[in-house]
Amino acid sequence: MTINHEAFWSARYRDAGDDYLFGTAPNRFLAEQADRLGAGMQVLSVADGEGRNAVWLAEQGCAVTATEISAPALAKARKLAAGRHVTVDFVLTDILRWDWPVAQFDAVVGIFIQFVGGLERALLFAAMQAAVKPGGLILLQGYTPQQLVYKTGGPSAVDNLYTEEMLRSTFAGWQIEHLKAHEASIEEGLAHVGHSALIDLVARRPLG
């Protein structure tokens, strides 16, 4: 069955009411990468949701573009950015059909963007890689298959989850600066709460 991603996510964000489904604080892994994300960097946050990560990136001095498929989520994101007095270029789009920029960003960020698997994920990752300038970074955090046991967030389809082997294969030819599967207790709004099976990646595009 094909999922209508826009309808699915918009319903989830609406159902949260005035609350932020994933909270307003940045993802912990992303915040830990602050030293890699200097002022003036051009950064793309993919499927950014209600703005927590894009707003934090803007607070670090980055020039941030953030994509999101859900209009209700973007309304909350714009409210969050205004309340925190930062500017973000929010783009309402389906990233599987977006006309992706090429070699434009110093960093591309994907935090829990595990709504597709298989061929669609391969195409998404290829677009993300192409959007990074030579020498730039991709930063990812996602769930591993062990998350299906914990059920504290994330997709229910194992094909949508990440493994170290899959990420090493996907980023073959890139410099992998950090790759770690681990478990931790997280608390991100209403939707990501509890013991979780996580995997983090920082990969740098070659200069050549």
Protein backbone atom coordinates (compact mmCIF):
# COMPACT_ATOMS: atom_id res chain seq x y z
CA MET A 1 0.00 0.00 0.00
CA THR A 2 1.33 3.44 -0.94
CA ILE A 3 1.37 5.92 1.93
CA ASN A 4 0.33 9.52 1.33
CA HIS A 5 3.18 11.06 3.30
CA GLU A 6 1.72 14.58 3.27
CA ALA A 7 -1.64 13.45 4.68
CA PHE A 8 -0.03 11.12 7.23
CA TRP A 9 2.37 13.69 8.66
CA SER A 10 -0.05 16.60 8.52
CA ALA A 11 -2.54 14.56 10.55
CA ARG A 12 0.12 13.76 13.15
CA TYR A 13 1.18 17.39 13.49
CA ARG A 14 -2.42 18.59 13.69
CA ASP A 15 -3.27 15.99 16.31
CA ALA A 16 -0.51 17.40 18.53
CA GLY A 17 -2.45 20.67 18.75
CA ASP A 18 -0.30 23.52 20.00
CA ASP A 19 2.33 21.08 21.24
CA TYR A 20 5.39 20.26 19.17
CA LEU A 21 5.30 16.58 18.23
CA PHE A 22 9.08 16.16 18.55
CA GLY A 23 9.68 19.07 20.92
CA THR A 24 11.45 22.37 20.32
CA ALA A 25 14.96 21.44 21.50
CA PRO A 26 17.44 20.27 18.86
CA ASN A 27 18.19 16.61 18.41
CA ARG A 28 20.93 15.63 20.86
CA PHE A 29 23.23 14.12 18.25
CA LEU A 30 22.94 17.22 16.07
CA ALA A 31 23.69 19.54 19.01
CA GLU A 32 26.78 17.46 19.77
CA GLN A 33 28.07 18.33 16.27
CA ALA A 34 28.11 22.09 16.99
CA ASP A 35 31.88 22.30 16.45
CA ARG A 36 31.40 21.10 12.86
CA LEU A 37 28.73 23.71 12.10
CA GLY A 38 30.28 27.16 12.00
CA ALA A 39 28.76 30.57 11.40
CA GLY A 40 28.11 31.36 7.76
CA MET A 41 27.78 27.74 6.65
CA GLN A 42 25.03 26.93 4.16
CA VAL A 43 23.04 24.08 5.71
CA LEU A 44 20.06 22.06 4.48
CA SER A 45 17.84 20.29 7.01
CA VAL A 46 15.85 17.57 5.24
CA ALA A 47 12.25 16.77 6.26
CA ASP A 48 12.72 19.15 9.16
CA GLY A 49 9.23 18.89 10.67
CA GLU A 50 8.28 21.63 13.11
CA GLY A 51 11.61 23.42 12.95
CA ARG A 52 13.49 22.35 16.07
CA ASN A 53 16.68 21.46 14.21
CA ALA A 54 16.56 24.21 11.58
CA VAL A 55 16.01 26.89 14.22
CA TRP A 56 18.91 25.59 16.31
CA LEU A 57 21.16 25.56 13.24
CA ALA A 58 20.19 29.16 12.52
CA GLU A 59 21.04 30.05 16.11
CA GLN A 60 24.56 28.75 15.44
CA GLY A 61 24.88 31.33 12.67
CA CYS A 62 24.24 28.97 9.77
CA ALA A 63 22.26 30.05 6.71
CA VAL A 64 19.57 27.37 6.83
CA THR A 65 17.20 25.93 4.26
CA ALA A 66 14.65 23.47 5.68
CA THR A 67 12.35 21.26 3.65
CA GLU A 68 9.09 19.78 4.92
CA ILE A 69 6.08 18.15 3.25
CA SER A 70 3.49 19.19 5.86
CA ALA A 71 2.01 22.70 5.87
CA PRO A 72 0.85 22.42 9.51
CA ALA A 73 4.40 21.49 10.53
CA LEU A 74 5.84 24.45 8.65
CA ALA A 75 3.37 26.80 10.31
CA LYS A 76 4.71 25.66 13.68
CA ALA A 77 8.29 25.91 12.40
CA ARG A 78 7.80 29.51 11.30
CA LYS A 79 6.27 30.34 14.68
CA LEU A 80 9.25 28.76 16.45
CA ALA A 81 11.75 30.65 14.29
CA ALA A 82 9.96 33.95 14.90
CA GLY A 83 9.86 33.32 18.64
CA ARG A 84 13.57 32.58 18.71
CA HIS A 85 14.38 35.57 16.43
CA VAL A 86 16.11 33.67 13.64
CA THR A 87 15.54 33.40 9.90
CA VAL A 88 15.16 30.08 8.09
CA ASP A 89 14.27 29.50 4.44
CA PHE A 90 11.41 27.05 4.92
CA VAL A 91 10.44 25.15 1.75
CA LEU A 92 7.13 23.26 1.51
CA THR A 93 7.91 20.31 -0.75
CA ASP A 94 7.89 16.54 -1.19
CA ILE A 95 11.61 15.79 -1.12
CA LEU A 96 11.08 12.70 -3.27
CA ARG A 97 9.94 15.06 -6.05
CA TRP A 98 11.91 18.20 -5.22
CA ASP A 99 14.28 19.80 -7.71
CA TRP A 100 17.29 19.36 -5.44
CA PRO A 101 20.11 21.93 -5.54
CA VAL A 102 23.50 20.57 -6.62
CA ALA A 103 26.74 21.20 -4.69
CA GLN A 104 25.13 24.09 -2.80
CA PHE A 105 25.41 23.20 0.90
CA ASP A 106 28.31 22.92 3.32
CA ALA A 107 26.24 20.42 5.30
CA VAL A 108 23.07 18.41 4.78
CA VAL A 109 21.28 17.18 7.91
CA GLY A 110 18.83 14.28 8.09
CA ILE A 111 17.44 13.51 11.56
CA PHE A 112 15.03 10.56 11.72
CA ILE A 113 14.05 10.81 8.04
CA GLN A 114 13.18 7.11 7.85
CA PHE A 115 9.86 7.28 6.04
CA VAL A 116 11.10 5.41 2.95
CA GLY A 117 13.20 2.36 2.22
CA GLY A 118 14.65 0.52 -0.74
CA LEU A 119 14.84 2.37 -4.05
CA GLU A 120 13.22 5.58 -2.73
CA ARG A 121 15.81 5.80 0.04
CA ALA A 122 18.63 5.20 -2.43
CA LEU A 123 17.34 8.05 -4.60
CA LEU A 124 16.93 10.31 -1.54
CA PHE A 125 20.46 9.64 -0.30
CA ALA A 126 21.85 10.22 -3.79
CA ALA A 127 20.09 13.60 -3.94
CA MET A 128 21.41 14.52 -0.50
CA GLN A 129 24.94 13.58 -1.51
CA ALA A 130 24.73 15.61 -4.71
CA ALA A 131 23.52 18.65 -2.76
CA VAL A 132 26.72 18.76 -0.67
CA LYS A 133 29.67 20.86 -1.80
CA PRO A 134 33.01 19.04 -2.20
CA GLY A 135 34.49 18.86 1.28
CA GLY A 136 31.07 19.27 2.89
CA LEU A 137 29.24 17.04 5.35
CA ILE A 138 26.20 14.83 5.68
CA LEU A 139 24.96 14.29 9.23
CA LEU A 140 22.39 11.57 9.89
CA GLN A 141 20.73 10.06 12.89
CA GLY A 142 18.26 7.23 12.63
CA TYR A 143 17.07 4.01 14.18
CA THR A 144 18.50 0.52 13.76
CA PRO A 145 16.34 -2.63 13.37
CA GLN A 146 16.58 -3.22 17.15
CA GLN A 147 14.17 -0.27 17.46
CA LEU A 148 11.36 -2.58 16.35
CA VAL A 149 11.70 -4.22 19.77
CA TYR A 150 11.63 -0.98 21.76
CA LYS A 151 8.85 0.77 19.79
CA THR A 152 9.67 4.17 21.27
CA GLY A 153 9.48 5.98 17.93
CA GLY A 154 10.34 5.50 14.29
CA PRO A 155 8.99 3.38 11.46
CA SER A 156 7.49 -0.09 11.76
CA ALA A 157 9.07 -1.35 8.50
CA VAL A 158 12.51 -2.92 8.90
CA ASP A 159 13.48 -1.82 5.38
CA ASN A 160 13.29 1.81 6.51
CA LEU A 161 15.83 1.33 9.30
CA TYR A 162 19.60 1.83 9.11
CA THR A 163 22.51 -0.49 9.74
CA GLU A 164 26.23 0.27 9.83
CA GLU A 165 26.75 -1.95 6.78
CA MET A 166 24.08 -0.13 4.78
CA LEU A 167 25.46 3.31 5.63
CA ARG A 168 29.05 2.29 4.87
CA SER A 169 27.91 1.00 1.49
CA THR A 170 25.83 4.10 0.76
CA PHE A 171 28.71 6.43 1.62
CA ALA A 172 31.48 4.38 0.04
CA GLY A 173 34.04 6.84 -1.31
CA TRP A 174 33.18 9.43 1.34
CA GLN A 175 35.31 10.00 4.44
CA ILE A 176 33.34 8.55 7.34
CA GLU A 177 34.27 10.72 10.31
CA HIS A 178 31.81 9.16 12.73
CA LEU A 179 29.60 6.07 12.53
CA LYS A 180 28.17 4.53 15.66
CA ALA A 181 25.25 2.28 16.49
CA HIS A 182 24.26 2.68 20.13
CA GLU A 183 21.36 2.70 22.56
CA ALA A 184 20.17 5.62 24.63
CA SER A 185 17.12 7.00 26.35
CA ILE A 186 15.74 9.97 24.45
CA GLU A 187 13.01 12.48 25.16
CA GLU A 188 11.96 14.47 22.10
CA GLY A 189 8.48 15.88 22.47
CA LEU A 190 5.52 13.51 22.42
CA ALA A 191 6.73 11.08 19.77
CA HIS A 192 10.30 10.03 20.63
CA VAL A 193 10.37 8.99 24.27
CA GLY A 194 12.20 6.10 25.89
CA HIS A 195 15.01 3.65 25.36
CA SER A 196 15.98 3.68 21.69
CA ALA A 197 18.30 1.90 19.25
CA LEU A 198 20.13 4.66 17.38
CA ILE A 199 22.78 5.08 14.73
CA ASP A 200 24.76 8.23 13.97
CA LEU A 201 26.73 9.15 10.86
CA VAL A 202 28.99 12.04 9.91
CA ALA A 203 30.43 11.66 6.41
CA ARG A 204 32.50 14.14 4.38
CA ARG A 205 32.34 14.43 0.60
CA PRO A 206 35.74 14.15 -1.05
CA LEU A 207 37.26 17.33 -2.46
CA GLY A 208 38.05 15.70 -5.78
